[in-house]
Amino acid sequence: GSFFSIDAMGWYRQAPGKQRELVATIISSGGCTVYTDSVKGRF
């Protein structure tokens, strides 16, 4: 699309009967990443 920049990209997930949760994000400027505890070391 017609975007100038992307600042952050990430993934969320939602299981049946559960609330949506953040899985992982990455910030474009510095490359900082964040993971939810349940996926650390695997994703």
Full PDB file with SEQRES, HELIX, SHEET, SSBOND, CRYST1, ORIGX, SCALE, CONECT and MASTER records, all heavy atoms in Angstrom:
SEQRES   1 A   43  GLY SER PHE PHE SER ILE ASP ALA MET GLY TRP TYR ARG          
SEQRES   2 A   43  GLN ALA PRO GLY LYS GLN ARG GLU LEU VAL ALA THR ILE          
SEQRES   3 A   43  ILE SER SER GLY GLY CYS THR VAL TYR THR ASP SER VAL          
SEQRES   4 A   43  LYS GLY ARG PHE                                              
HELIX    1 AA1 ASP A   37  VAL A   39  5                                   3    
SHEET    1 AA1 3 ALA A   8  ARG A  13  0                                        
SHEET    2 AA1 3 GLU A  21  ILE A  27 -1                                        
SHEET    3 AA1 3 THR A  33  TYR A  35 -1                                        
CRYST1    1.000    1.000    1.000  90.00  90.00  90.00 P 1           1          
ORIGX1      1.000000  0.000000  0.000000        0.00000                         
ORIGX2      0.000000  1.000000  0.000000        0.00000                         
ORIGX3      0.000000  0.000000  1.000000        0.00000                         
SCALE1      1.000000  0.000000  0.000000        0.00000                         
SCALE2      0.000000  1.000000  0.000000        0.00000                         
SCALE3      0.000000  0.000000  1.000000        0.00000                         
ATOM      1  N   GLY A   1       0.813  -1.198   0.000  1.00  0.00           N  
ATOM      2  CA  GLY A   1       0.000   0.000   0.000  1.00  0.00           C  
ATOM      3  C   GLY A   1       0.849   1.251   0.000  1.00  0.00           C  
ATOM      4  O   GLY A   1       2.066   1.197  -0.164  1.00  0.00           O  
ATOM      5  N   SER A   2       0.197   2.366   0.193  1.00  0.00           N  
ATOM      6  CA  SER A   2       0.870   3.662   0.117  1.00  0.00           C  
ATOM      7  C   SER A   2       1.336   4.135   1.491  1.00  0.00           C  
ATOM      8  O   SER A   2       0.942   5.197   1.975  1.00  0.00           O  
ATOM      9  CB  SER A   2      -0.062   4.696  -0.519  1.00  0.00           C  
ATOM     10  OG  SER A   2      -1.287   4.811   0.209  1.00  0.00           O  
ATOM     11  N   PHE A   3       2.191   3.373   2.104  1.00  0.00           N  
ATOM     12  CA  PHE A   3       2.730   3.764   3.391  1.00  0.00           C  
ATOM     13  C   PHE A   3       4.139   4.336   3.225  1.00  0.00           C  
ATOM     14  O   PHE A   3       4.879   3.944   2.325  1.00  0.00           O  
ATOM     15  CB  PHE A   3       2.736   2.601   4.392  1.00  0.00           C  
ATOM     16  CG  PHE A   3       3.345   1.339   3.867  1.00  0.00           C  
ATOM     17  CD1 PHE A   3       4.715   1.162   3.868  1.00  0.00           C  
ATOM     18  CD2 PHE A   3       2.541   0.314   3.386  1.00  0.00           C  
ATOM     19  CE1 PHE A   3       5.287  -0.011   3.389  1.00  0.00           C  
ATOM     20  CE2 PHE A   3       3.095  -0.861   2.909  1.00  0.00           C  
ATOM     21  CZ  PHE A   3       4.471  -1.017   2.906  1.00  0.00           C  
ATOM     22  N   PHE A   4       4.463   5.246   4.117  1.00  0.00           N  
ATOM     23  CA  PHE A   4       5.791   5.835   4.118  1.00  0.00           C  
ATOM     24  C   PHE A   4       6.776   4.956   4.868  1.00  0.00           C  
ATOM     25  O   PHE A   4       7.924   4.796   4.442  1.00  0.00           O  
ATOM     26  CB  PHE A   4       5.743   7.240   4.738  1.00  0.00           C  
ATOM     27  CG  PHE A   4       7.104   7.858   4.950  1.00  0.00           C  
ATOM     28  CD1 PHE A   4       7.794   8.418   3.890  1.00  0.00           C  
ATOM     29  CD2 PHE A   4       7.689   7.882   6.207  1.00  0.00           C  
ATOM     30  CE1 PHE A   4       9.042   8.993   4.075  1.00  0.00           C  
ATOM     31  CE2 PHE A   4       8.935   8.446   6.404  1.00  0.00           C  
ATOM     32  CZ  PHE A   4       9.615   9.004   5.324  1.00  0.00           C  
ATOM     33  N   SER A   5       6.331   4.411   5.967  1.00  0.00           N  
ATOM     34  CA  SER A   5       7.202   3.584   6.777  1.00  0.00           C  
ATOM     35  C   SER A   5       6.382   2.607   7.598  1.00  0.00           C  
ATOM     36  O   SER A   5       5.198   2.825   7.853  1.00  0.00           O  
ATOM     37  CB  SER A   5       8.064   4.440   7.705  1.00  0.00           C  
ATOM     38  OG  SER A   5       7.269   5.121   8.655  1.00  0.00           O  
ATOM     39  N   ILE A   6       7.038   1.545   8.009  1.00  0.00           N  
ATOM     40  CA  ILE A   6       6.468   0.595   8.946  1.00  0.00           C  
ATOM     41  C   ILE A   6       7.305   0.656  10.214  1.00  0.00           C  
ATOM     42  O   ILE A   6       8.512   0.453  10.175  1.00  0.00           O  
ATOM     43  CB  ILE A   6       6.456  -0.826   8.370  1.00  0.00           C  
ATOM     44  CG1 ILE A   6       5.493  -0.912   7.190  1.00  0.00           C  
ATOM     45  CG2 ILE A   6       6.085  -1.838   9.454  1.00  0.00           C  
ATOM     46  CD1 ILE A   6       5.489  -2.246   6.490  1.00  0.00           C  
ATOM     47  N   ASP A   7       6.654   0.934  11.320  1.00  0.00           N  
ATOM     48  CA  ASP A   7       7.360   1.119  12.580  1.00  0.00           C  
ATOM     49  C   ASP A   7       7.416  -0.146  13.418  1.00  0.00           C  
ATOM     50  O   ASP A   7       8.384  -0.362  14.148  1.00  0.00           O  
ATOM     51  CB  ASP A   7       6.713   2.242  13.385  1.00  0.00           C  
ATOM     52  CG  ASP A   7       6.738   3.568  12.654  1.00  0.00           C  
ATOM     53  OD1 ASP A   7       7.771   3.888  12.022  1.00  0.00           O  
ATOM     54  OD2 ASP A   7       5.727   4.294  12.704  1.00  0.00           O  
ATOM     55  N   ALA A   8       6.382  -0.946  13.329  1.00  0.00           N  
ATOM     56  CA  ALA A   8       6.351  -2.165  14.123  1.00  0.00           C  
ATOM     57  C   ALA A   8       5.497  -3.211  13.430  1.00  0.00           C  
ATOM     58  O   ALA A   8       4.494  -2.890  12.791  1.00  0.00           O  
ATOM     59  CB  ALA A   8       5.813  -1.892  15.526  1.00  0.00           C  
ATOM     60  N   MET A   9       5.891  -4.457  13.575  1.00  0.00           N  
ATOM     61  CA  MET A   9       5.138  -5.571  13.028  1.00  0.00           C  
ATOM     62  C   MET A   9       5.076  -6.657  14.090  1.00  0.00           C  
ATOM     63  O   MET A   9       6.031  -6.856  14.841  1.00  0.00           O  
ATOM     64  CB  MET A   9       5.785  -6.126  11.756  1.00  0.00           C  
ATOM     65  CG  MET A   9       6.086  -5.070  10.703  1.00  0.00           C  
ATOM     66  SD  MET A   9       6.808  -5.751   9.178  1.00  0.00           S  
ATOM     67  CE  MET A   9       5.314  -6.275   8.327  1.00  0.00           C  
ATOM     68  N   GLY A  10       3.961  -7.345  14.124  1.00  0.00           N  
ATOM     69  CA  GLY A  10       3.836  -8.372  15.140  1.00  0.00           C  
ATOM     70  C   GLY A  10       2.765  -9.385  14.831  1.00  0.00           C  
ATOM     71  O   GLY A  10       2.063  -9.296  13.819  1.00  0.00           O  
ATOM     72  N   TRP A  11       2.676 -10.352  15.719  1.00  0.00           N  
ATOM     73  CA  TRP A  11       1.705 -11.425  15.598  1.00  0.00           C  
ATOM     74  C   TRP A  11       0.902 -11.560  16.870  1.00  0.00           C  
ATOM     75  O   TRP A  11       1.462 -11.529  17.974  1.00  0.00           O  
ATOM     76  CB  TRP A  11       2.394 -12.760  15.293  1.00  0.00           C  
ATOM     77  CG  TRP A  11       3.025 -12.821  13.938  1.00  0.00           C  
ATOM     78  CD1 TRP A  11       4.308 -12.516  13.611  1.00  0.00           C  
ATOM     79  CD2 TRP A  11       2.379 -13.214  12.722  1.00  0.00           C  
ATOM     80  NE1 TRP A  11       4.513 -12.699  12.270  1.00  0.00           N  
ATOM     81  CE2 TRP A  11       3.352 -13.127  11.692  1.00  0.00           C  
ATOM     82  CE3 TRP A  11       1.102 -13.635  12.397  1.00  0.00           C  
ATOM     83  CZ2 TRP A  11       3.067 -13.441  10.370  1.00  0.00           C  
ATOM     84  CZ3 TRP A  11       0.813 -13.948  11.074  1.00  0.00           C  
ATOM     85  CH2 TRP A  11       1.792 -13.845  10.082  1.00  0.00           C  
ATOM     86  N   TYR A  12      -0.388 -11.715  16.715  1.00  0.00           N  
ATOM     87  CA  TYR A  12      -1.302 -12.014  17.796  1.00  0.00           C  
ATOM     88  C   TYR A  12      -1.991 -13.329  17.488  1.00  0.00           C  
ATOM     89  O   TYR A  12      -2.008 -13.778  16.347  1.00  0.00           O  
ATOM     90  CB  TYR A  12      -2.357 -10.914  17.950  1.00  0.00           C  
ATOM     91  CG  TYR A  12      -1.816  -9.583  18.425  1.00  0.00           C  
ATOM     92  CD1 TYR A  12      -1.082  -8.757  17.580  1.00  0.00           C  
ATOM     93  CD2 TYR A  12      -2.058  -9.141  19.728  1.00  0.00           C  
ATOM     94  CE1 TYR A  12      -0.595  -7.537  18.013  1.00  0.00           C  
ATOM     95  CE2 TYR A  12      -1.577  -7.919  20.165  1.00  0.00           C  
ATOM     96  CZ  TYR A  12      -0.849  -7.126  19.306  1.00  0.00           C  
ATOM     97  OH  TYR A  12      -0.371  -5.910  19.746  1.00  0.00           O  
ATOM     98  N   ARG A  13      -2.557 -13.936  18.511  1.00  0.00           N  
ATOM     99  CA  ARG A  13      -3.295 -15.168  18.287  1.00  0.00           C  
ATOM    100  C   ARG A  13      -4.512 -15.218  19.192  1.00  0.00           C  
ATOM    101  O   ARG A  13      -4.537 -14.615  20.263  1.00  0.00           O  
ATOM    102  CB  ARG A  13      -2.418 -16.402  18.513  1.00  0.00           C  
ATOM    103  CG  ARG A  13      -1.983 -16.629  19.954  1.00  0.00           C  
ATOM    104  CD  ARG A  13      -1.020 -17.807  20.025  1.00  0.00           C  
ATOM    105  NE  ARG A  13      -0.579 -18.074  21.384  1.00  0.00           N  
ATOM    106  CZ  ARG A  13       0.357 -18.952  21.710  1.00  0.00           C  
ATOM    107  NH1 ARG A  13       0.960 -19.662  20.752  1.00  0.00           N  
ATOM    108  NH2 ARG A  13       0.695 -19.130  22.979  1.00  0.00           N  
ATOM    109  N   GLN A  14      -5.500 -15.957  18.740  1.00  0.00           N  
ATOM    110  CA  GLN A  14      -6.713 -16.127  19.505  1.00  0.00           C  
ATOM    111  C   GLN A  14      -7.192 -17.562  19.362  1.00  0.00           C  
ATOM    112  O   GLN A  14      -7.493 -18.020  18.262  1.00  0.00           O  
ATOM    113  CB  GLN A  14      -7.807 -15.160  19.048  1.00  0.00           C  
ATOM    114  CG  GLN A  14      -9.046 -15.180  19.915  1.00  0.00           C  
ATOM    115  CD  GLN A  14      -9.971 -14.013  19.639  1.00  0.00           C  
ATOM    116  OE1 GLN A  14      -9.910 -13.392  18.586  1.00  0.00           O  
ATOM    117  NE2 GLN A  14     -10.823 -13.700  20.593  1.00  0.00           N  
ATOM    118  N   ALA A  15      -7.238 -18.251  20.482  1.00  0.00           N  
ATOM    119  CA  ALA A  15      -7.722 -19.619  20.518  1.00  0.00           C  
ATOM    120  C   ALA A  15      -9.213 -19.617  20.828  1.00  0.00           C  
ATOM    121  O   ALA A  15      -9.737 -18.659  21.402  1.00  0.00           O  
ATOM    122  CB  ALA A  15      -6.957 -20.419  21.567  1.00  0.00           C  
ATOM    123  N   PRO A  16      -9.915 -20.687  20.468  1.00  0.00           N  
ATOM    124  CA  PRO A  16     -11.352 -20.758  20.752  1.00  0.00           C  
ATOM    125  C   PRO A  16     -11.649 -20.562  22.233  1.00  0.00           C  
ATOM    126  O   PRO A  16     -11.050 -21.214  23.092  1.00  0.00           O  
ATOM    127  CB  PRO A  16     -11.730 -22.169  20.296  1.00  0.00           C  
ATOM    128  CG  PRO A  16     -10.727 -22.498  19.247  1.00  0.00           C  
ATOM    129  CD  PRO A  16      -9.447 -21.867  19.725  1.00  0.00           C  
ATOM    130  N   GLY A  17     -12.539 -19.652  22.517  1.00  0.00           N  
ATOM    131  CA  GLY A  17     -12.923 -19.382  23.892  1.00  0.00           C  
ATOM    132  C   GLY A  17     -11.924 -18.576  24.689  1.00  0.00           C  
ATOM    133  O   GLY A  17     -12.130 -18.363  25.890  1.00  0.00           O  
ATOM    134  N   LYS A  18     -10.869 -18.143  24.054  1.00  0.00           N  
ATOM    135  CA  LYS A  18      -9.829 -17.387  24.735  1.00  0.00           C  
ATOM    136  C   LYS A  18      -9.718 -15.976  24.166  1.00  0.00           C  
ATOM    137  O   LYS A  18     -10.128 -15.708  23.027  1.00  0.00           O  
ATOM    138  CB  LYS A  18      -8.477 -18.088  24.629  1.00  0.00           C  
ATOM    139  CG  LYS A  18      -8.428 -19.485  25.237  1.00  0.00           C  
ATOM    140  CD  LYS A  18      -8.590 -19.428  26.737  1.00  0.00           C  
ATOM    141  CE  LYS A  18      -8.487 -20.817  27.348  1.00  0.00           C  
ATOM    142  NZ  LYS A  18      -7.142 -21.398  27.181  1.00  0.00           N  
ATOM    143  N   GLN A  19      -9.153 -15.094  24.947  1.00  0.00           N  
ATOM    144  CA  GLN A  19      -8.945 -13.729  24.518  1.00  0.00           C  
ATOM    145  C   GLN A  19      -7.710 -13.636  23.625  1.00  0.00           C  
ATOM    146  O   GLN A  19      -6.767 -14.412  23.755  1.00  0.00           O  
ATOM    147  CB  GLN A  19      -8.798 -12.822  25.743  1.00  0.00           C  
ATOM    148  CG  GLN A  19      -8.996 -11.352  25.460  1.00  0.00           C  
ATOM    149  CD  GLN A  19      -9.114 -10.539  26.734  1.00  0.00           C  
ATOM    150  OE1 GLN A  19      -8.762 -10.999  27.810  1.00  0.00           O  
ATOM    151  NE2 GLN A  19      -9.610  -9.320  26.613  1.00  0.00           N  
ATOM    152  N   ARG A  20      -7.733 -12.692  22.734  1.00  0.00           N  
ATOM    153  CA  ARG A  20      -6.592 -12.479  21.855  1.00  0.00           C  
ATOM    154  C   ARG A  20      -5.375 -12.077  22.670  1.00  0.00           C  
ATOM    155  O   ARG A  20      -5.466 -11.282  23.605  1.00  0.00           O  
ATOM    156  CB  ARG A  20      -6.920 -11.389  20.835  1.00  0.00           C  
ATOM    157  CG  ARG A  20      -5.828 -11.141  19.802  1.00  0.00           C  
ATOM    158  CD  ARG A  20      -6.190  -9.968  18.911  1.00  0.00           C  
ATOM    159  NE  ARG A  20      -6.246  -8.725  19.671  1.00  0.00           N  
ATOM    160  CZ  ARG A  20      -6.700  -7.571  19.200  1.00  0.00           C  
ATOM    161  NH1 ARG A  20      -7.163  -7.506  17.961  1.00  0.00           N  
ATOM    162  NH2 ARG A  20      -6.707  -6.493  19.957  1.00  0.00           N  
ATOM    163  N   GLU A  21      -4.237 -12.630  22.325  1.00  0.00           N  
ATOM    164  CA  GLU A  21      -3.013 -12.312  23.034  1.00  0.00           C  
ATOM    165  C   GLU A  21      -1.887 -12.008  22.058  1.00  0.00           C  
ATOM    166  O   GLU A  21      -1.836 -12.542  20.950  1.00  0.00           O  
ATOM    167  CB  GLU A  21      -2.594 -13.463  23.958  1.00  0.00           C  
ATOM    168  CG  GLU A  21      -2.184 -14.733  23.229  1.00  0.00           C  
ATOM    169  CD  GLU A  21      -1.590 -15.785  24.147  1.00  0.00           C  
ATOM    170  OE1 GLU A  21      -1.278 -15.458  25.308  1.00  0.00           O  
ATOM    171  OE2 GLU A  21      -1.432 -16.939  23.706  1.00  0.00           O  
ATOM    172  N   LEU A  22      -0.988 -11.172  22.494  1.00  0.00           N  
ATOM    173  CA  LEU A  22       0.191 -10.869  21.701  1.00  0.00           C  
ATOM    174  C   LEU A  22       1.162 -12.032  21.785  1.00  0.00           C  
ATOM    175  O   LEU A  22       1.432 -12.547  22.868  1.00  0.00           O  
ATOM    176  CB  LEU A  22       0.845  -9.577  22.190  1.00  0.00           C  
ATOM    177  CG  LEU A  22       2.028  -9.046  21.372  1.00  0.00           C  
ATOM    178  CD1 LEU A  22       2.027  -7.527  21.388  1.00  0.00           C  
ATOM    179  CD2 LEU A  22       3.345  -9.571  21.921  1.00  0.00           C  
ATOM    180  N   VAL A  23       1.699 -12.426  20.642  1.00  0.00           N  
ATOM    181  CA  VAL A  23       2.670 -13.506  20.582  1.00  0.00           C  
ATOM    182  C   VAL A  23       4.085 -12.945  20.504  1.00  0.00           C  
ATOM    183  O   VAL A  23       4.955 -13.314  21.291  1.00  0.00           O  
ATOM    184  CB  VAL A  23       2.410 -14.431  19.386  1.00  0.00           C  
ATOM    185  CG1 VAL A  23       3.458 -15.539  19.328  1.00  0.00           C  
ATOM    186  CG2 VAL A  23       1.011 -15.019  19.461  1.00  0.00           C  
ATOM    187  N   ALA A  24       4.309 -12.068  19.547  1.00  0.00           N  
ATOM    188  CA  ALA A  24       5.634 -11.486  19.354  1.00  0.00           C  
ATOM    189  C   ALA A  24       5.523 -10.213  18.543  1.00  0.00           C  
ATOM    190  O   ALA A  24       4.640 -10.086  17.699  1.00  0.00           O  
ATOM    191  CB  ALA A  24       6.571 -12.474  18.653  1.00  0.00           C  
ATOM    192  N   THR A  25       6.415  -9.287  18.800  1.00  0.00           N  
ATOM    193  CA  THR A  25       6.487  -8.050  18.034  1.00  0.00           C  
ATOM    194  C   THR A  25       7.935  -7.725  17.737  1.00  0.00           C  
ATOM    195  O   THR A  25       8.845  -8.149  18.453  1.00  0.00           O  
ATOM    196  CB  THR A  25       5.856  -6.857  18.775  1.00  0.00           C  
ATOM    197  OG1 THR A  25       6.537  -6.650  20.019  1.00  0.00           O  
ATOM    198  CG2 THR A  25       4.377  -7.105  19.038  1.00  0.00           C  
ATOM    199  N   ILE A  26       8.127  -6.957  16.690  1.00  0.00           N  
ATOM    200  CA  ILE A  26       9.454  -6.477  16.347  1.00  0.00           C  
ATOM    201  C   ILE A  26       9.331  -5.015  15.932  1.00  0.00           C  
ATOM    202  O   ILE A  26       8.478  -4.658  15.123  1.00  0.00           O  
ATOM    203  CB  ILE A  26      10.107  -7.337  15.247  1.00  0.00           C  
ATOM    204  CG1 ILE A  26      11.533  -6.860  14.960  1.00  0.00           C  
ATOM    205  CG2 ILE A  26       9.267  -7.359  13.978  1.00  0.00           C  
ATOM    206  CD1 ILE A  26      12.346  -7.856  14.148  1.00  0.00           C  
ATOM    207  N   ILE A  27      10.191  -4.183  16.487  1.00  0.00           N  
ATOM    208  CA  ILE A  27      10.195  -2.756  16.197  1.00  0.00           C  
ATOM    209  C   ILE A  27      11.236  -2.487  15.126  1.00  0.00           C  
ATOM    210  O   ILE A  27      12.393  -2.879  15.260  1.00  0.00           O  
ATOM    211  CB  ILE A  27      10.487  -1.938  17.465  1.00  0.00           C  
ATOM    212  CG1 ILE A  27       9.404  -2.203  18.508  1.00  0.00           C  
ATOM    213  CG2 ILE A  27      10.561  -0.453  17.147  1.00  0.00           C  
ATOM    214  CD1 ILE A  27       9.669  -1.586  19.852  1.00  0.00           C  
ATOM    215  N   SER A  28      10.810  -1.791  14.085  1.00  0.00           N  
ATOM    216  CA  SER A  28      11.666  -1.625  12.916  1.00  0.00           C  
ATOM    217  C   SER A  28      12.916  -0.799  13.189  1.00  0.00           C  
ATOM    218  O   SER A  28      13.998  -1.115  12.692  1.00  0.00           O  
ATOM    219  CB  SER A  28      10.870  -0.992  11.775  1.00  0.00           C  
ATOM    220  OG  SER A  28       9.778  -1.814  11.393  1.00  0.00           O  
ATOM    221  N   SER A  29      12.780   0.270  13.957  1.00  0.00           N  
ATOM    222  CA  SER A  29      13.887   1.199  14.137  1.00  0.00           C  
ATOM    223  C   SER A  29      15.100   0.561  14.801  1.00  0.00           C  
ATOM    224  O   SER A  29      16.220   0.713  14.328  1.00  0.00           O  
ATOM    225  CB  SER A  29      13.428   2.416  14.939  1.00  0.00           C  
ATOM    226  OG  SER A  29      12.943   2.027  16.213  1.00  0.00           O  
ATOM    227  N   GLY A  30      14.890  -0.143  15.880  1.00  0.00           N  
ATOM    228  CA  GLY A  30      15.993  -0.728  16.604  1.00  0.00           C  
ATOM    229  C   GLY A  30      16.079  -2.240  16.556  1.00  0.00           C  
ATOM    230  O   GLY A  30      17.046  -2.824  17.060  1.00  0.00           O  
ATOM    231  N   GLY A  31      15.079  -2.873  15.976  1.00  0.00           N  
ATOM    232  CA  GLY A  31      15.071  -4.322  15.900  1.00  0.00           C  
ATOM    233  C   GLY A  31      14.727  -5.010  17.201  1.00  0.00           C  
ATOM    234  O   GLY A  31      14.943  -6.217  17.335  1.00  0.00           O  
ATOM    235  N   CYS A  32      14.208  -4.277  18.136  1.00  0.00           N  
ATOM    236  CA  CYS A  32      13.828  -4.849  19.420  1.00  0.00           C  
ATOM    237  C   CYS A  32      12.680  -5.833  19.245  1.00  0.00           C  
ATOM    238  O   CYS A  32      11.734  -5.569  18.504  1.00  0.00           O  
ATOM    239  CB  CYS A  32      13.431  -3.742  20.379  1.00  0.00           C  
ATOM    240  SG  CYS A  32      12.949  -4.315  22.018  1.00  0.00           S  
ATOM    241  N   THR A  33      12.772  -6.953  19.926  1.00  0.00           N  
ATOM    242  CA  THR A  33      11.743  -7.975  19.851  1.00  0.00           C  
ATOM    243  C   THR A  33      11.188  -8.277  21.231  1.00  0.00           C  
ATOM    244  O   THR A  33      11.891  -8.184  22.232  1.00  0.00           O  
ATOM    245  CB  THR A  33      12.274  -9.276  19.232  1.00  0.00           C  
ATOM    246  OG1 THR A  33      13.377  -9.758  20.005  1.00  0.00           O  
ATOM    247  CG2 THR A  33      12.740  -9.037  17.806  1.00  0.00           C  
ATOM    248  N   VAL A  34       9.923  -8.655  21.252  1.00  0.00           N  
ATOM    249  CA  VAL A  34       9.253  -9.022  22.490  1.00  0.00           C  
ATOM    250  C   VAL A  34       8.447 -10.282  22.236  1.00  0.00           C  
ATOM    251  O   VAL A  34       7.764 -10.388  21.224  1.00  0.00           O  
ATOM    252  CB  VAL A  34       8.333  -7.898  22.993  1.00  0.00           C  
ATOM    253  CG1 VAL A  34       7.597  -8.334  24.262  1.00  0.00           C  
ATOM    254  CG2 VAL A  34       9.122  -6.630  23.261  1.00  0.00           C  
ATOM    255  N   TYR A  35       8.535 -11.226  23.167  1.00  0.00           N  
ATOM    256  CA  TYR A  35       7.805 -12.478  23.059  1.00  0.00           C  
ATOM    257  C   TYR A  35       6.994 -12.725  24.312  1.00  0.00           C  
ATOM    258  O   TYR A  35       7.414 -12.376  25.420  1.00  0.00           O  
ATOM    259  CB  TYR A  35       8.753 -13.667  22.874  1.00  0.00           C  
ATOM    260  CG  TYR A  35       9.603 -13.625  21.634  1.00  0.00           C  
ATOM    261  CD1 TYR A  35      10.852 -13.015  21.641  1.00  0.00           C  
ATOM    262  CD2 TYR A  35       9.162 -14.214  20.453  1.00  0.00           C  
ATOM    263  CE1 TYR A  35      11.640 -12.980  20.501  1.00  0.00           C  
ATOM    264  CE2 TYR A  35       9.945 -14.186  19.308  1.00  0.00           C  
ATOM    265  CZ  TYR A  35      11.183 -13.569  19.341  1.00  0.00           C  
ATOM    266  OH  TYR A  35      11.966 -13.549  18.207  1.00  0.00           O  
ATOM    267  N   THR A  36       5.857 -13.349  24.144  1.00  0.00           N  
ATOM    268  CA  THR A  36       5.131 -13.813  25.302  1.00  0.00           C  
ATOM    269  C   THR A  36       5.877 -15.004  25.891  1.00  0.00           C  
ATOM    270  O   THR A  36       6.548 -15.752  25.181  1.00  0.00           O  
ATOM    271  CB  THR A  36       3.688 -14.191  24.925  1.00  0.00           C  
ATOM    272  OG1 THR A  36       2.929 -14.426  26.116  1.00  0.00           O  
ATOM    273  CG2 THR A  36       3.650 -15.435  24.066  1.00  0.00           C  
ATOM    274  N   ASP A  37       5.779 -15.181  27.194  1.00  0.00           N  
ATOM    275  CA  ASP A  37       6.588 -16.181  27.882  1.00  0.00           C  
ATOM    276  C   ASP A  37       6.406 -17.595  27.343  1.00  0.00           C  
ATOM    277  O   ASP A  37       7.357 -18.377  27.287  1.00  0.00           O  
ATOM    278  CB  ASP A  37       6.278 -16.164  29.380  1.00  0.00           C  
ATOM    279  CG  ASP A  37       6.831 -14.945  30.081  1.00  0.00           C  
ATOM    280  OD1 ASP A  37       7.730 -14.288  29.523  1.00  0.00           O  
ATOM    281  OD2 ASP A  37       6.363 -14.647  31.200  1.00  0.00           O  
ATOM    282  N   SER A  38       5.216 -17.927  26.946  1.00  0.00           N  
ATOM    283  CA  SER A  38       4.928 -19.291  26.542  1.00  0.00           C  
ATOM    284  C   SER A  38       5.613 -19.716  25.243  1.00  0.00           C  
ATOM    285  O   SER A  38       5.677 -20.912  24.947  1.00  0.00           O  
ATOM    286  CB  SER A  38       3.416 -19.496  26.406  1.00  0.00           C  
ATOM    287  OG  SER A  38       2.881 -18.663  25.392  1.00  0.00           O  
ATOM    288  N   VAL A  39       6.127 -18.765  24.469  1.00  0.00           N  
ATOM    289  CA  VAL A  39       6.757 -19.109  23.195  1.00  0.00           C  
ATOM    290  C   VAL A  39       8.249 -18.818  23.177  1.00  0.00           C  
ATOM    291  O   VAL A  39       8.916 -19.129  22.183  1.00  0.00           O  
ATOM    292  CB  VAL A  39       6.090 -18.375  22.012  1.00  0.00           C  
ATOM    293  CG1 VAL A  39       4.583 -18.609  22.026  1.00  0.00           C  
ATOM    294  CG2 VAL A  39       6.400 -16.886  22.032  1.00  0.00           C  
ATOM    295  N   LYS A  40       8.780 -18.262  24.230  1.00  0.00           N  
ATOM    296  CA  LYS A  40      10.198 -17.945  24.274  1.00  0.00           C  
ATOM    297  C   LYS A  40      11.040 -19.208  24.112  1.00  0.00           C  
ATOM    298  O   LYS A  40      10.786 -20.232  24.738  1.00  0.00           O  
ATOM    299  CB  LYS A  40      10.552 -17.250  25.589  1.00  0.00           C  
ATOM    300  CG  LYS A  40      10.036 -15.832  25.691  1.00  0.00           C  
ATOM    301  CD  LYS A  40      10.433 -15.186  27.014  1.00  0.00           C  
ATOM    302  CE  LYS A  40       9.943 -13.755  27.097  1.00  0.00           C  
ATOM    303  NZ  LYS A  40      10.280 -13.127  28.400  1.00  0.00           N  
ATOM    304  N   GLY A  41      12.037 -19.111  23.253  1.00  0.00           N  
ATOM    305  CA  GLY A  41      12.889 -20.251  22.975  1.00  0.00           C  
ATOM    306  C   GLY A  41      12.375 -21.152  21.880  1.00  0.00           C  
ATOM    307  O   GLY A  41      13.118 -22.014  21.395  1.00  0.00           O  
ATOM    308  N   ARG A  42      11.123 -20.978  21.488  1.00  0.00           N  
ATOM    309  CA  ARG A  42      10.534 -21.804  20.438  1.00  0.00           C  
ATOM    310  C   ARG A  42      10.193 -21.003  19.183  1.00  0.00           C  
ATOM    311  O   ARG A  42      10.317 -21.524  18.078  1.00  0.00           O  
ATOM    312  CB  ARG A  42       9.266 -22.490  20.950  1.00  0.00           C  
ATOM    313  CG  ARG A  42       9.500 -23.409  22.139  1.00  0.00           C  
ATOM    314  CD  ARG A  42       8.246 -24.210  22.477  1.00  0.00           C  
ATOM    315  NE  ARG A  42       7.135 -23.345  22.869  1.00  0.00           N  
ATOM    316  CZ  ARG A  42       5.975 -23.292  22.233  1.00  0.00           C  
ATOM    317  NH1 ARG A  42       5.769 -24.052  21.159  1.00  0.00           N  
ATOM    318  NH2 ARG A  42       5.003 -22.491  22.669  1.00  0.00           N  
ATOM    319  N   PHE A  43       9.741 -19.779  19.368  1.00  0.00           N  
ATOM    320  CA  PHE A  43       9.341 -18.930  18.246  1.00  0.00           C  
ATOM    321  C   PHE A  43      10.378 -17.846  18.007  1.00  0.00           C  
ATOM    322  O   PHE A  43      11.020 -17.357  18.943  1.00  0.00           O  
ATOM    323  CB  PHE A  43       7.997 -18.252  18.522  1.00  0.00           C  
ATOM    324  CG  PHE A  43       6.809 -19.174  18.545  1.00  0.00           C  
ATOM    325  CD1 PHE A  43       6.957 -20.553  18.531  1.00  0.00           C  
ATOM    326  CD2 PHE A  43       5.529 -18.643  18.584  1.00  0.00           C  
ATOM    327  CE1 PHE A  43       5.860 -21.399  18.565  1.00  0.00           C  
ATOM    328  CE2 PHE A  43       4.422 -19.474  18.609  1.00  0.00           C  
ATOM    329  CZ  PHE A  43       4.585 -20.852  18.598  1.00  0.00           C  
TER     330      PHE A  43                                                      
MASTER        0    0    0    1    3    0    0    6  329    1    0    4          
END                                                                             
